[in-house]
Amino acid sequence: MAETDFAQFETKTANDRTVMHVLYGLHTIAWASMGTLAVIALIVNYIKRADEHDAVYASHHNYMIATFWWTVLWLVVTAPLWVLLFLPGAIAYTIIGLWYLYRCLRGWLRFSDGRTPF
C-alpha cells in the first residue's frame, strides 16, 4: 500500500479562510442585491472548488453550490403561484428565502468551527 505524501498538500492560510467567509457572506446577503451577489459567489465557488485539496473546504464549496441551485429550482417551481394569487407566491418565496438564509448561516457557523457542513 502506497503512503500518502502529505508534503504535496499545502496548508490552509488565513487568506483561504477569509475567502470562504466572504463567500458565505455574499451568499447570506444576496437578497439585498436580488441574487447578484449569490451569482458572483457561485462563480468563485466553482473556481475555488476546482483547485481545492482540503476536504472540509471542498465540502463547503459543494454545499454553497448545492444551496444556490436548489434555491433556484424551488424559485422556478413556485413562480406560477405569483400568477394565481399574490399571497401564495409571497408565502412560497418567503419560505424559500428563509431556507436559503438558514443554509447559509448553518454552513457558515459550521465552517467557523472547522467542521463539514453536514
PDB file of N, CA and C in Angstrom:
ATOM      1  N   MET A   1       0.844  -1.174   0.000  1.00  0.00           N
ATOM      2  CA  MET A   1       0.000   0.000   0.000  1.00  0.00           C
ATOM      3  C   MET A   1       0.892   1.241   0.000  1.00  0.00           C
ATOM      4  N   ALA A   2       0.648   2.145  -0.917  1.00  0.00           N
ATOM      5  CA  ALA A   2       1.468   3.345  -1.030  1.00  0.00           C
ATOM      6  C   ALA A   2       1.107   4.343   0.055  1.00  0.00           C
ATOM      7  N   GLU A   3       2.120   5.039   0.527  1.00  0.00           N
ATOM      8  CA  GLU A   3       1.885   6.057   1.552  1.00  0.00           C
ATOM      9  C   GLU A   3       1.578   7.395   0.885  1.00  0.00           C
ATOM     10  N   THR A   4       0.785   8.178   1.552  1.00  0.00           N
ATOM     11  CA  THR A   4       0.428   9.493   1.041  1.00  0.00           C
ATOM     12  C   THR A   4       1.537  10.482   1.353  1.00  0.00           C
ATOM     13  N   ASP A   5       1.925  11.242   0.364  1.00  0.00           N
ATOM     14  CA  ASP A   5       2.939  12.270   0.567  1.00  0.00           C
ATOM     15  C   ASP A   5       2.226  13.561   0.972  1.00  0.00           C
ATOM     16  N   PHE A   6       2.176  13.803   2.269  1.00  0.00           N
ATOM     17  CA  PHE A   6       1.446  14.965   2.768  1.00  0.00           C
ATOM     18  C   PHE A   6       2.169  16.278   2.468  1.00  0.00           C
ATOM     19  N   ALA A   7       3.410  16.205   2.058  1.00  0.00           N
ATOM     20  CA  ALA A   7       4.148  17.419   1.717  1.00  0.00           C
ATOM     21  C   ALA A   7       3.581  18.077   0.465  1.00  0.00           C
ATOM     22  N   GLN A   8       2.926  17.284  -0.392  1.00  0.00           N
ATOM     23  CA  GLN A   8       2.379  17.857  -1.619  1.00  0.00           C
ATOM     24  C   GLN A   8       1.128  18.695  -1.363  1.00  0.00           C
ATOM     25  N   PHE A   9       0.489  18.494  -0.215  1.00  0.00           N
ATOM     26  CA  PHE A   9      -0.698  19.265   0.111  1.00  0.00           C
ATOM     27  C   PHE A   9      -0.294  20.537   0.844  1.00  0.00           C
ATOM     28  N   GLU A  10      -0.787  21.631   0.370  1.00  0.00           N
ATOM     29  CA  GLU A  10      -0.474  22.897   1.012  1.00  0.00           C
ATOM     30  C   GLU A  10      -1.406  23.122   2.196  1.00  0.00           C
ATOM     31  N   THR A  11      -0.885  23.767   3.209  1.00  0.00           N
ATOM     32  CA  THR A  11      -1.714  24.066   4.368  1.00  0.00           C
ATOM     33  C   THR A  11      -2.563  25.289   4.067  1.00  0.00           C
ATOM     34  N   LYS A  12      -3.679  25.356   4.728  1.00  0.00           N
ATOM     35  CA  LYS A  12      -4.585  26.477   4.523  1.00  0.00           C
ATOM     36  C   LYS A  12      -4.053  27.719   5.221  1.00  0.00           C
ATOM     37  N   THR A  13      -4.202  28.838   4.567  1.00  0.00           N
ATOM     38  CA  THR A  13      -3.739  30.108   5.113  1.00  0.00           C
ATOM     39  C   THR A  13      -4.928  30.909   5.626  1.00  0.00           C
ATOM     40  N   ALA A  14      -4.621  31.988   6.299  1.00  0.00           N
ATOM     41  CA  ALA A  14      -5.679  32.887   6.775  1.00  0.00           C
ATOM     42  C   ALA A  14      -6.441  33.472   5.587  1.00  0.00           C
ATOM     43  N   ASN A  15      -5.765  33.669   4.473  1.00  0.00           N
ATOM     44  CA  ASN A  15      -6.416  34.196   3.271  1.00  0.00           C
ATOM     45  C   ASN A  15      -7.475  33.222   2.749  1.00  0.00           C
ATOM     46  N   ASP A  16      -7.172  31.911   2.802  1.00  0.00           N
ATOM     47  CA  ASP A  16      -8.153  30.915   2.364  1.00  0.00           C
ATOM     48  C   ASP A  16      -9.402  30.960   3.238  1.00  0.00           C
ATOM     49  N   ARG A  17      -9.207  31.101   4.541  1.00  0.00           N
ATOM     50  CA  ARG A  17     -10.352  31.205   5.460  1.00  0.00           C
ATOM     51  C   ARG A  17     -11.142  32.471   5.181  1.00  0.00           C
ATOM     52  N   THR A  18     -10.438  33.560   4.927  1.00  0.00           N
ATOM     53  CA  THR A  18     -11.111  34.831   4.652  1.00  0.00           C
ATOM     54  C   THR A  18     -11.959  34.732   3.391  1.00  0.00           C
ATOM     55  N   VAL A  19     -11.428  34.099   2.362  1.00  0.00           N
ATOM     56  CA  VAL A  19     -12.188  33.936   1.110  1.00  0.00           C
ATOM     57  C   VAL A  19     -13.473  33.162   1.381  1.00  0.00           C
ATOM     58  N   MET A  20     -13.363  32.099   2.171  1.00  0.00           N
ATOM     59  CA  MET A  20     -14.553  31.292   2.467  1.00  0.00           C
ATOM     60  C   MET A  20     -15.578  32.108   3.266  1.00  0.00           C
ATOM     61  N   HIS A  21     -15.105  32.904   4.227  1.00  0.00           N
ATOM     62  CA  HIS A  21     -16.018  33.748   4.991  1.00  0.00           C
ATOM     63  C   HIS A  21     -16.696  34.779   4.081  1.00  0.00           C
ATOM     64  N   VAL A  22     -15.943  35.344   3.155  1.00  0.00           N
ATOM     65  CA  VAL A  22     -16.518  36.320   2.219  1.00  0.00           C
ATOM     66  C   VAL A  22     -17.569  35.650   1.334  1.00  0.00           C
ATOM     67  N   LEU A  23     -17.287  34.434   0.876  1.00  0.00           N
ATOM     68  CA  LEU A  23     -18.265  33.724   0.042  1.00  0.00           C
ATOM     69  C   LEU A  23     -19.547  33.452   0.813  1.00  0.00           C
ATOM     70  N   TYR A  24     -19.422  33.001   2.051  1.00  0.00           N
ATOM     71  CA  TYR A  24     -20.627  32.793   2.861  1.00  0.00           C
ATOM     72  C   TYR A  24     -21.358  34.124   3.086  1.00  0.00           C
ATOM     73  N   GLY A  25     -20.594  35.182   3.308  1.00  0.00           N
ATOM     74  CA  GLY A  25     -21.207  36.497   3.492  1.00  0.00           C
ATOM     75  C   GLY A  25     -21.961  36.946   2.256  1.00  0.00           C
ATOM     76  N   LEU A  26     -21.370  36.743   1.082  1.00  0.00           N
ATOM     77  CA  LEU A  26     -22.038  37.120  -0.167  1.00  0.00           C
ATOM     78  C   LEU A  26     -23.324  36.330  -0.371  1.00  0.00           C
ATOM     79  N   HIS A  27     -23.257  35.035  -0.099  1.00  0.00           N
ATOM     80  CA  HIS A  27     -24.471  34.219  -0.227  1.00  0.00           C
ATOM     81  C   HIS A  27     -25.539  34.676   0.769  1.00  0.00           C
ATOM     82  N   THR A  28     -25.114  35.020   1.973  1.00  0.00           N
ATOM     83  CA  THR A  28     -26.067  35.387   3.022  1.00  0.00           C
ATOM     84  C   THR A  28     -26.794  36.700   2.723  1.00  0.00           C
ATOM     85  N   ILE A  29     -26.081  37.670   2.168  1.00  0.00           N
ATOM     86  CA  ILE A  29     -26.719  38.970   1.900  1.00  0.00           C
ATOM     87  C   ILE A  29     -27.161  39.107   0.444  1.00  0.00           C
ATOM     88  N   ALA A  30     -27.236  37.996  -0.272  1.00  0.00           N
ATOM     89  CA  ALA A  30     -27.616  38.027  -1.692  1.00  0.00           C
ATOM     90  C   ALA A  30     -28.998  38.622  -1.914  1.00  0.00           C
ATOM     91  N   TRP A  31     -29.898  38.471  -0.944  1.00  0.00           N
ATOM     92  CA  TRP A  31     -31.254  39.006  -1.091  1.00  0.00           C
ATOM     93  C   TRP A  31     -31.226  40.521  -1.306  1.00  0.00           C
ATOM     94  N   ALA A  32     -30.213  41.210  -0.737  1.00  0.00           N
ATOM     95  CA  ALA A  32     -30.127  42.664  -0.844  1.00  0.00           C
ATOM     96  C   ALA A  32     -29.765  43.108  -2.265  1.00  0.00           C
ATOM     97  N   SER A  33     -29.198  42.182  -3.057  1.00  0.00           N
ATOM     98  CA  SER A  33     -28.814  42.522  -4.424  1.00  0.00           C
ATOM     99  C   SER A  33     -29.651  41.773  -5.451  1.00  0.00           C
ATOM    100  N   MET A  34     -30.785  41.228  -5.001  1.00  0.00           N
ATOM    101  CA  MET A  34     -31.667  40.438  -5.848  1.00  0.00           C
ATOM    102  C   MET A  34     -30.922  39.261  -6.496  1.00  0.00           C
ATOM    103  N   GLY A  35     -29.995  38.675  -5.755  1.00  0.00           N
ATOM    104  CA  GLY A  35     -29.298  37.481  -6.204  1.00  0.00           C
ATOM    105  C   GLY A  35     -27.978  37.701  -6.910  1.00  0.00           C
ATOM    106  N   THR A  36     -27.653  38.938  -7.245  1.00  0.00           N
ATOM    107  CA  THR A  36     -26.413  39.203  -7.973  1.00  0.00           C
ATOM    108  C   THR A  36     -25.185  38.759  -7.176  1.00  0.00           C
ATOM    109  N   LEU A  37     -25.169  39.051  -5.886  1.00  0.00           N
ATOM    110  CA  LEU A  37     -24.033  38.648  -5.059  1.00  0.00           C
ATOM    111  C   LEU A  37     -23.925  37.130  -4.954  1.00  0.00           C
ATOM    112  N   ALA A  38     -25.040  36.440  -4.978  1.00  0.00           N
ATOM    113  CA  ALA A  38     -25.016  34.975  -4.935  1.00  0.00           C
ATOM    114  C   ALA A  38     -24.417  34.413  -6.219  1.00  0.00           C
ATOM    115  N   VAL A  39     -24.716  35.020  -7.346  1.00  0.00           N
ATOM    116  CA  VAL A  39     -24.158  34.560  -8.620  1.00  0.00           C
ATOM    117  C   VAL A  39     -22.644  34.784  -8.629  1.00  0.00           C
ATOM    118  N   ILE A  40     -22.202  35.919  -8.132  1.00  0.00           N
ATOM    119  CA  ILE A  40     -20.758  36.193  -8.047  1.00  0.00           C
ATOM    120  C   ILE A  40     -20.093  35.165  -7.136  1.00  0.00           C
ATOM    121  N   ALA A  41     -20.693  34.919  -5.982  1.00  0.00           N
ATOM    122  CA  ALA A  41     -20.144  33.938  -5.042  1.00  0.00           C
ATOM    123  C   ALA A  41     -20.146  32.547  -5.665  1.00  0.00           C
ATOM    124  N   LEU A  42     -21.188  32.208  -6.411  1.00  0.00           N
ATOM    125  CA  LEU A  42     -21.272  30.904  -7.058  1.00  0.00           C
ATOM    126  C   LEU A  42     -20.117  30.704  -8.040  1.00  0.00           C
ATOM    127  N   ILE A  43     -19.823  31.714  -8.821  1.00  0.00           N
ATOM    128  CA  ILE A  43     -18.716  31.630  -9.786  1.00  0.00           C
ATOM    129  C   ILE A  43     -17.395  31.403  -9.053  1.00  0.00           C
ATOM    130  N   VAL A  44     -17.180  32.144  -7.983  1.00  0.00           N
ATOM    131  CA  VAL A  44     -15.952  31.966  -7.192  1.00  0.00           C
ATOM    132  C   VAL A  44     -15.932  30.583  -6.550  1.00  0.00           C
ATOM    133  N   ASN A  45     -17.089  30.092  -6.081  1.00  0.00           N
ATOM    134  CA  ASN A  45     -17.158  28.736  -5.524  1.00  0.00           C
ATOM    135  C   ASN A  45     -16.700  27.704  -6.544  1.00  0.00           C
ATOM    136  N   TYR A  46     -17.179  27.812  -7.769  1.00  0.00           N
ATOM    137  CA  TYR A  46     -16.780  26.864  -8.809  1.00  0.00           C
ATOM    138  C   TYR A  46     -15.277  26.950  -9.097  1.00  0.00           C
ATOM    139  N   ILE A  47     -14.740  28.167  -9.153  1.00  0.00           N
ATOM    140  CA  ILE A  47     -13.307  28.355  -9.434  1.00  0.00           C
ATOM    141  C   ILE A  47     -12.462  27.784  -8.305  1.00  0.00           C
ATOM    142  N   LYS A  48     -12.812  28.121  -7.069  1.00  0.00           N
ATOM    143  CA  LYS A  48     -12.026  27.672  -5.917  1.00  0.00           C
ATOM    144  C   LYS A  48     -12.150  26.167  -5.705  1.00  0.00           C
ATOM    145  N   ARG A  49     -13.327  25.623  -5.927  1.00  0.00           N
ATOM    146  CA  ARG A  49     -13.536  24.191  -5.722  1.00  0.00           C
ATOM    147  C   ARG A  49     -12.654  23.360  -6.651  1.00  0.00           C
ATOM    148  N   ALA A  50     -12.414  23.845  -7.856  1.00  0.00           N
ATOM    149  CA  ALA A  50     -11.607  23.106  -8.826  1.00  0.00           C
ATOM    150  C   ALA A  50     -10.177  22.895  -8.335  1.00  0.00           C
ATOM    151  N   ASP A  51      -9.659  23.816  -7.537  1.00  0.00           N
ATOM    152  CA  ASP A  51      -8.279  23.728  -7.053  1.00  0.00           C
ATOM    153  C   ASP A  51      -8.184  23.273  -5.608  1.00  0.00           C
ATOM    154  N   GLU A  52      -9.284  22.835  -5.043  1.00  0.00           N
ATOM    155  CA  GLU A  52      -9.328  22.529  -3.604  1.00  0.00           C
ATOM    156  C   GLU A  52      -8.860  21.106  -3.308  1.00  0.00           C
ATOM    157  N   HIS A  53      -7.957  20.980  -2.324  1.00  0.00           N
ATOM    158  CA  HIS A  53      -7.469  19.669  -1.885  1.00  0.00           C
ATOM    159  C   HIS A  53      -7.955  19.338  -0.481  1.00  0.00           C
ATOM    160  N   ASP A  54      -8.366  20.330   0.260  1.00  0.00           N
ATOM    161  CA  ASP A  54      -8.834  20.128   1.628  1.00  0.00           C
ATOM    162  C   ASP A  54     -10.300  19.689   1.595  1.00  0.00           C
ATOM    163  N   ALA A  55     -10.600  18.568   2.235  1.00  0.00           N
ATOM    164  CA  ALA A  55     -11.956  18.007   2.184  1.00  0.00           C
ATOM    165  C   ALA A  55     -12.992  18.923   2.824  1.00  0.00           C
ATOM    166  N   VAL A  56     -12.622  19.589   3.904  1.00  0.00           N
ATOM    167  CA  VAL A  56     -13.573  20.481   4.581  1.00  0.00           C
ATOM    168  C   VAL A  56     -13.918  21.667   3.682  1.00  0.00           C
ATOM    169  N   TYR A  57     -12.919  22.269   3.068  1.00  0.00           N
ATOM    170  CA  TYR A  57     -13.162  23.414   2.189  1.00  0.00           C
ATOM    171  C   TYR A  57     -13.957  22.982   0.954  1.00  0.00           C
ATOM    172  N   ALA A  58     -13.593  21.851   0.369  1.00  0.00           N
ATOM    173  CA  ALA A  58     -14.314  21.360  -0.810  1.00  0.00           C
ATOM    174  C   ALA A  58     -15.775  21.082  -0.481  1.00  0.00           C
ATOM    175  N   SER A  59     -16.027  20.507   0.702  1.00  0.00           N
ATOM    176  CA  SER A  59     -17.415  20.222   1.071  1.00  0.00           C
ATOM    177  C   SER A  59     -18.214  21.501   1.272  1.00  0.00           C
ATOM    178  N   HIS A  60     -17.589  22.544   1.766  1.00  0.00           N
ATOM    179  CA  HIS A  60     -18.298  23.815   1.929  1.00  0.00           C
ATOM    180  C   HIS A  60     -18.578  24.466   0.568  1.00  0.00           C
ATOM    181  N   HIS A  61     -17.650  24.357  -0.357  1.00  0.00           N
ATOM    182  CA  HIS A  61     -17.920  24.867  -1.707  1.00  0.00           C
ATOM    183  C   HIS A  61     -19.092  24.103  -2.322  1.00  0.00           C
ATOM    184  N   ASN A  62     -19.071  22.783  -2.201  1.00  0.00           N
ATOM    185  CA  ASN A  62     -20.176  21.970  -2.729  1.00  0.00           C
ATOM    186  C   ASN A  62     -21.501  22.331  -2.067  1.00  0.00           C
ATOM    187  N   TYR A  63     -21.459  22.580  -0.775  1.00  0.00           N
ATOM    188  CA  TYR A  63     -22.652  22.933  -0.005  1.00  0.00           C
ATOM    189  C   TYR A  63     -23.246  24.251  -0.501  1.00  0.00           C
ATOM    190  N   MET A  64     -22.393  25.252  -0.708  1.00  0.00           N
ATOM    191  CA  MET A  64     -22.892  26.552  -1.192  1.00  0.00           C
ATOM    192  C   MET A  64     -23.431  26.431  -2.614  1.00  0.00           C
ATOM    193  N   ILE A  65     -22.754  25.656  -3.446  1.00  0.00           N
ATOM    194  CA  ILE A  65     -23.213  25.467  -4.821  1.00  0.00           C
ATOM    195  C   ILE A  65     -24.568  24.758  -4.835  1.00  0.00           C
ATOM    196  N   ALA A  66     -24.699  23.702  -4.054  1.00  0.00           N
ATOM    197  CA  ALA A  66     -25.967  22.968  -3.990  1.00  0.00           C
ATOM    198  C   ALA A  66     -27.085  23.839  -3.430  1.00  0.00           C
ATOM    199  N   THR A  67     -26.788  24.618  -2.405  1.00  0.00           N
ATOM    200  CA  THR A  67     -27.793  25.515  -1.826  1.00  0.00           C
ATOM    201  C   THR A  67     -28.295  26.498  -2.872  1.00  0.00           C
ATOM    202  N   PHE A  68     -27.389  27.078  -3.640  1.00  0.00           N
ATOM    203  CA  PHE A  68     -27.771  28.027  -4.681  1.00  0.00           C
ATOM    204  C   PHE A  68     -28.699  27.371  -5.703  1.00  0.00           C
ATOM    205  N   TRP A  69     -28.292  26.215  -6.244  1.00  0.00           N
ATOM    206  CA  TRP A  69     -29.060  25.597  -7.316  1.00  0.00           C
ATOM    207  C   TRP A  69     -30.391  25.049  -6.834  1.00  0.00           C
ATOM    208  N   TRP A  70     -30.463  24.514  -5.609  1.00  0.00           N
ATOM    209  CA  TRP A  70     -31.759  24.076  -5.078  1.00  0.00           C
ATOM    210  C   TRP A  70     -32.695  25.270  -4.887  1.00  0.00           C
ATOM    211  N   THR A  71     -32.136  26.391  -4.462  1.00  0.00           N
ATOM    212  CA  THR A  71     -32.947  27.594  -4.298  1.00  0.00           C
ATOM    213  C   THR A  71     -33.501  28.062  -5.636  1.00  0.00           C
ATOM    214  N   VAL A  72     -32.663  28.091  -6.657  1.00  0.00           N
ATOM    215  CA  VAL A  72     -33.124  28.488  -7.994  1.00  0.00           C
ATOM    216  C   VAL A  72     -34.215  27.544  -8.476  1.00  0.00           C
ATOM    217  N   LEU A  73     -34.013  26.247  -8.273  1.00  0.00           N
ATOM    218  CA  LEU A  73     -35.028  25.278  -8.690  1.00  0.00           C
ATOM    219  C   LEU A  73     -36.370  25.569  -8.019  1.00  0.00           C
ATOM    220  N   TRP A  74     -36.376  25.763  -6.707  1.00  0.00           N
ATOM    221  CA  TRP A  74     -37.629  25.991  -5.992  1.00  0.00           C
ATOM    222  C   TRP A  74     -38.251  27.346  -6.327  1.00  0.00           C
ATOM    223  N   LEU A  75     -37.434  28.339  -6.632  1.00  0.00           N
ATOM    224  CA  LEU A  75     -37.984  29.623  -7.066  1.00  0.00           C
ATOM    225  C   LEU A  75     -38.695  29.475  -8.414  1.00  0.00           C
ATOM    226  N   VAL A  76     -38.118  28.700  -9.318  1.00  0.00           N
ATOM    227  CA  VAL A  76     -38.732  28.476 -10.632  1.00  0.00           C
ATOM    228  C   VAL A  76     -40.011  27.646 -10.496  1.00  0.00           C
ATOM    229  N   VAL A  77     -39.956  26.593  -9.674  1.00  0.00           N
ATOM    230  CA  VAL A  77     -41.121  25.717  -9.494  1.00  0.00           C
ATOM    231  C   VAL A  77     -42.296  26.476  -8.883  1.00  0.00           C
ATOM    232  N   THR A  78     -42.026  27.371  -7.943  1.00  0.00           N
ATOM    233  CA  THR A  78     -43.109  28.093  -7.269  1.00  0.00           C
ATOM    234  C   THR A  78     -43.486  29.411  -7.960  1.00  0.00           C
ATOM    235  N   ALA A  79     -42.802  29.775  -9.023  1.00  0.00           N
ATOM    236  CA  ALA A  79     -43.112  31.026  -9.729  1.00  0.00           C
ATOM    237  C   ALA A  79     -44.557  31.113 -10.214  1.00  0.00           C
ATOM    238  N   PRO A  80     -45.170  30.031 -10.682  1.00  0.00           N
ATOM    239  CA  PRO A  80     -46.576  30.134 -11.121  1.00  0.00           C
ATOM    240  C   PRO A  80     -47.537  30.559 -10.007  1.00  0.00           C
ATOM    241  N   LEU A  81     -47.144  30.388  -8.761  1.00  0.00           N
ATOM    242  CA  LEU A  81     -48.024  30.817  -7.669  1.00  0.00           C
ATOM    243  C   LEU A  81     -48.245  32.329  -7.681  1.00  0.00           C
ATOM    244  N   TRP A  82     -47.295  33.073  -8.226  1.00  0.00           N
ATOM    245  CA  TRP A  82     -47.457  34.526  -8.324  1.00  0.00           C
ATOM    246  C   TRP A  82     -48.555  34.886  -9.314  1.00  0.00           C
ATOM    247  N   VAL A  83     -48.739  34.056 -10.326  1.00  0.00           N
ATOM    248  CA  VAL A  83     -49.749  34.327 -11.345  1.00  0.00           C
ATOM    249  C   VAL A  83     -51.147  34.052 -10.790  1.00  0.00           C
ATOM    250  N   LEU A  84     -51.263  32.975 -10.012  1.00  0.00           N
ATOM    251  CA  LEU A  84     -52.566  32.606  -9.456  1.00  0.00           C
ATOM    252  C   LEU A  84     -53.069  33.664  -8.487  1.00  0.00           C
ATOM    253  N   LEU A  85     -52.302  33.916  -7.493  1.00  0.00           N
ATOM    254  CA  LEU A  85     -52.629  34.922  -6.486  1.00  0.00           C
ATOM    255  C   LEU A  85     -51.329  35.450  -5.910  1.00  0.00           C
ATOM    256  N   PHE A  86     -51.366  36.640  -5.416  1.00  0.00           N
ATOM    257  CA  PHE A  86     -50.153  37.237  -4.866  1.00  0.00           C
ATOM    258  C   PHE A  86     -49.699  36.526  -3.596  1.00  0.00           C
ATOM    259  N   LEU A  87     -50.623  36.245  -2.700  1.00  0.00           N
ATOM    260  CA  LEU A  87     -50.275  35.712  -1.385  1.00  0.00           C
ATOM    261  C   LEU A  87     -49.557  34.358  -1.424  1.00  0.00           C
ATOM    262  N   PRO A  88     -50.025  33.374  -2.201  1.00  0.00           N
ATOM    263  CA  PRO A  88     -49.292  32.102  -2.234  1.00  0.00           C
ATOM    264  C   PRO A  88     -47.860  32.259  -2.750  1.00  0.00           C
ATOM    265  N   GLY A  89     -47.659  33.099  -3.736  1.00  0.00           N
ATOM    266  CA  GLY A  89     -46.314  33.348  -4.261  1.00  0.00           C
ATOM    267  C   GLY A  89     -45.421  33.997  -3.225  1.00  0.00           C
ATOM    268  N   ALA A  90     -45.982  34.969  -2.520  1.00  0.00           N
ATOM    269  CA  ALA A  90     -45.204  35.653  -1.481  1.00  0.00           C
ATOM    270  C   ALA A  90     -44.839  34.699  -0.351  1.00  0.00           C
ATOM    271  N   ILE A  91     -45.773  33.846   0.038  1.00  0.00           N
ATOM    272  CA  ILE A  91     -45.502  32.877   1.102  1.00  0.00           C
ATOM    273  C   ILE A  91     -44.428  31.883   0.650  1.00  0.00           C
ATOM    274  N   ALA A  92     -44.545  31.375  -0.576  1.00  0.00           N
ATOM    275  CA  ALA A  92     -43.569  30.411  -1.084  1.00  0.00           C
ATOM    276  C   ALA A  92     -42.178  31.031  -1.152  1.00  0.00           C
ATOM    277  N   TYR A  93     -42.077  32.245  -1.677  1.00  0.00           N
ATOM    278  CA  TYR A  93     -40.776  32.895  -1.798  1.00  0.00           C
ATOM    279  C   TYR A  93     -40.192  33.235  -0.429  1.00  0.00           C
ATOM    280  N   THR A  94     -41.029  33.561   0.530  1.00  0.00           N
ATOM    281  CA  THR A  94     -40.552  33.833   1.887  1.00  0.00           C
ATOM    282  C   THR A  94     -39.981  32.565   2.514  1.00  0.00           C
ATOM    283  N   ILE A  95     -40.677  31.455   2.338  1.00  0.00           N
ATOM    284  CA  ILE A  95     -40.188  30.182   2.886  1.00  0.00           C
ATOM    285  C   ILE A  95     -38.869  29.792   2.224  1.00  0.00           C
ATOM    286  N   ILE A  96     -38.784  29.942   0.922  1.00  0.00           N
ATOM    287  CA  ILE A  96     -37.548  29.615   0.205  1.00  0.00           C
ATOM    288  C   ILE A  96     -36.414  30.531   0.656  1.00  0.00           C
ATOM    289  N   GLY A  97     -36.701  31.806   0.813  1.00  0.00           N
ATOM    290  CA  GLY A  97     -35.683  32.755   1.278  1.00  0.00           C
ATOM    291  C   GLY A  97     -35.184  32.434   2.678  1.00  0.00           C
ATOM    292  N   LEU A  98     -36.097  32.057   3.558  1.00  0.00           N
ATOM    293  CA  LEU A  98     -35.697  31.683   4.916  1.00  0.00           C
ATOM    294  C   LEU A  98     -34.878  30.396   4.921  1.00  0.00           C
ATOM    295  N   TRP A  99     -35.244  29.451   4.068  1.00  0.00           N
ATOM    296  CA  TRP A  99     -34.471  28.218   3.948  1.00  0.00           C
ATOM    297  C   TRP A  99     -33.055  28.515   3.456  1.00  0.00           C
ATOM    298  N   TYR A 100     -32.945  29.385   2.455  1.00  0.00           N
ATOM    299  CA  TYR A 100     -31.637  29.782   1.921  1.00  0.00           C
ATOM    300  C   TYR A 100     -30.795  30.448   3.009  1.00  0.00           C
ATOM    301  N   LEU A 101     -31.409  31.354   3.747  1.00  0.00           N
ATOM    302  CA  LEU A 101     -30.704  32.028   4.834  1.00  0.00           C
ATOM    303  C   LEU A 101     -30.251  31.036   5.890  1.00  0.00           C
ATOM    304  N   TYR A 102     -31.130  30.095   6.255  1.00  0.00           N
ATOM    305  CA  TYR A 102     -30.782  29.065   7.235  1.00  0.00           C
ATOM    306  C   TYR A 102     -29.575  28.255   6.757  1.00  0.00           C
ATOM    307  N   ARG A 103     -29.604  27.817   5.489  1.00  0.00           N
ATOM    308  CA  ARG A 103     -28.494  27.010   4.962  1.00  0.00           C
ATOM    309  C   ARG A 103     -27.191  27.799   4.969  1.00  0.00           C
ATOM    310  N   CYS A 104     -27.254  29.075   4.597  1.00  0.00           N
ATOM    311  CA  CYS A 104     -26.042  29.898   4.586  1.00  0.00           C
ATOM    312  C   CYS A 104     -25.484  30.066   5.998  1.00  0.00           C
ATOM    313  N   LEU A 105     -26.334  30.410   6.939  1.00  0.00           N
ATOM    314  CA  LEU A 105     -25.873  30.627   8.307  1.00  0.00           C
ATOM    315  C   LEU A 105     -25.388  29.331   8.953  1.00  0.00           C
ATOM    316  N   ARG A 106     -26.097  28.242   8.707  1.00  0.00           N
ATOM    317  CA  ARG A 106     -25.688  26.946   9.261  1.00  0.00           C
ATOM    318  C   ARG A 106     -24.318  26.548   8.716  1.00  0.00           C
ATOM    319  N   GLY A 107     -24.120  26.656   7.425  1.00  0.00           N
ATOM    320  CA  GLY A 107     -22.837  26.317   6.819  1.00  0.00           C
ATOM    321  C   GLY A 107     -21.724  27.219   7.313  1.00  0.00           C
ATOM    322  N   TRP A 108     -22.023  28.504   7.426  1.00  0.00           N
ATOM    323  CA  TRP A 108     -21.027  29.475   7.882  1.00  0.00           C
ATOM    324  C   TRP A 108     -20.593  29.170   9.315  1.00  0.00           C
ATOM    325  N   LEU A 109     -21.541  28.877  10.178  1.00  0.00           N
ATOM    326  CA  LEU A 109     -21.208  28.545  11.572  1.00  0.00           C
ATOM    327  C   LEU A 109     -20.403  27.253  11.658  1.00  0.00           C
ATOM    328  N   ARG A 110     -20.778  26.269  10.874  1.00  0.00           N
ATOM    329  CA  ARG A 110     -20.030  25.005  10.886  1.00  0.00           C
ATOM    330  C   ARG A 110     -18.626  25.204  10.321  1.00  0.00           C
ATOM    331  N   PHE A 111     -18.476  26.058   9.305  1.00  0.00           N
ATOM    332  CA  PHE A 111     -17.147  26.353   8.780  1.00  0.00           C
ATOM    333  C   PHE A 111     -16.308  27.050   9.841  1.00  0.00           C
ATOM    334  N   SER A 112     -16.915  27.963  10.574  1.00  0.00           N
ATOM    335  CA  SER A 112     -16.188  28.680  11.623  1.00  0.00           C
ATOM    336  C   SER A 112     -15.667  27.724  12.704  1.00  0.00           C
ATOM    337  N   ASP A 113     -16.395  26.619  12.895  1.00  0.00           N
ATOM    338  CA  ASP A 113     -15.977  25.612  13.862  1.00  0.00           C
ATOM    339  C   ASP A 113     -15.014  24.588  13.252  1.00  0.00           C
ATOM    340  N   GLY A 114     -14.720  24.714  11.966  1.00  0.00           N
ATOM    341  CA  GLY A 114     -13.810  23.788  11.298  1.00  0.00           C
ATOM    342  C   GLY A 114     -14.439  22.455  10.964  1.00  0.00           C
ATOM    343  N   ARG A 115     -15.771  22.434  10.862  1.00  0.00           N
ATOM    344  CA  ARG A 115     -16.493  21.194  10.562  1.00  0.00           C
ATOM    345  C   ARG A 115     -17.061  21.238   9.155  1.00  0.00           C
ATOM    346  N   THR A 116     -17.415  20.061   8.661  1.00  0.00           N
ATOM    347  CA  THR A 116     -18.066  19.992   7.354  1.00  0.00           C
ATOM    348  C   THR A 116     -19.497  20.503   7.500  1.00  0.00           C
ATOM    349  N   PRO A 117     -20.142  20.901   6.416  1.00  0.00           N
ATOM    350  CA  PRO A 117     -21.490  21.459   6.536  1.00  0.00           C
ATOM    351  C   PRO A 117     -22.558  20.447   6.920  1.00  0.00           C
ATOM    352  N   PHE A 118     -22.276  19.167   6.811  1.00  0.00           N
ATOM    353  CA  PHE A 118     -23.300  18.156   7.101  1.00  0.00           C
ATOM    354  C   PHE A 118     -22.993  17.470   8.407  1.00  0.00           C
TER     355      PHE A 118
END
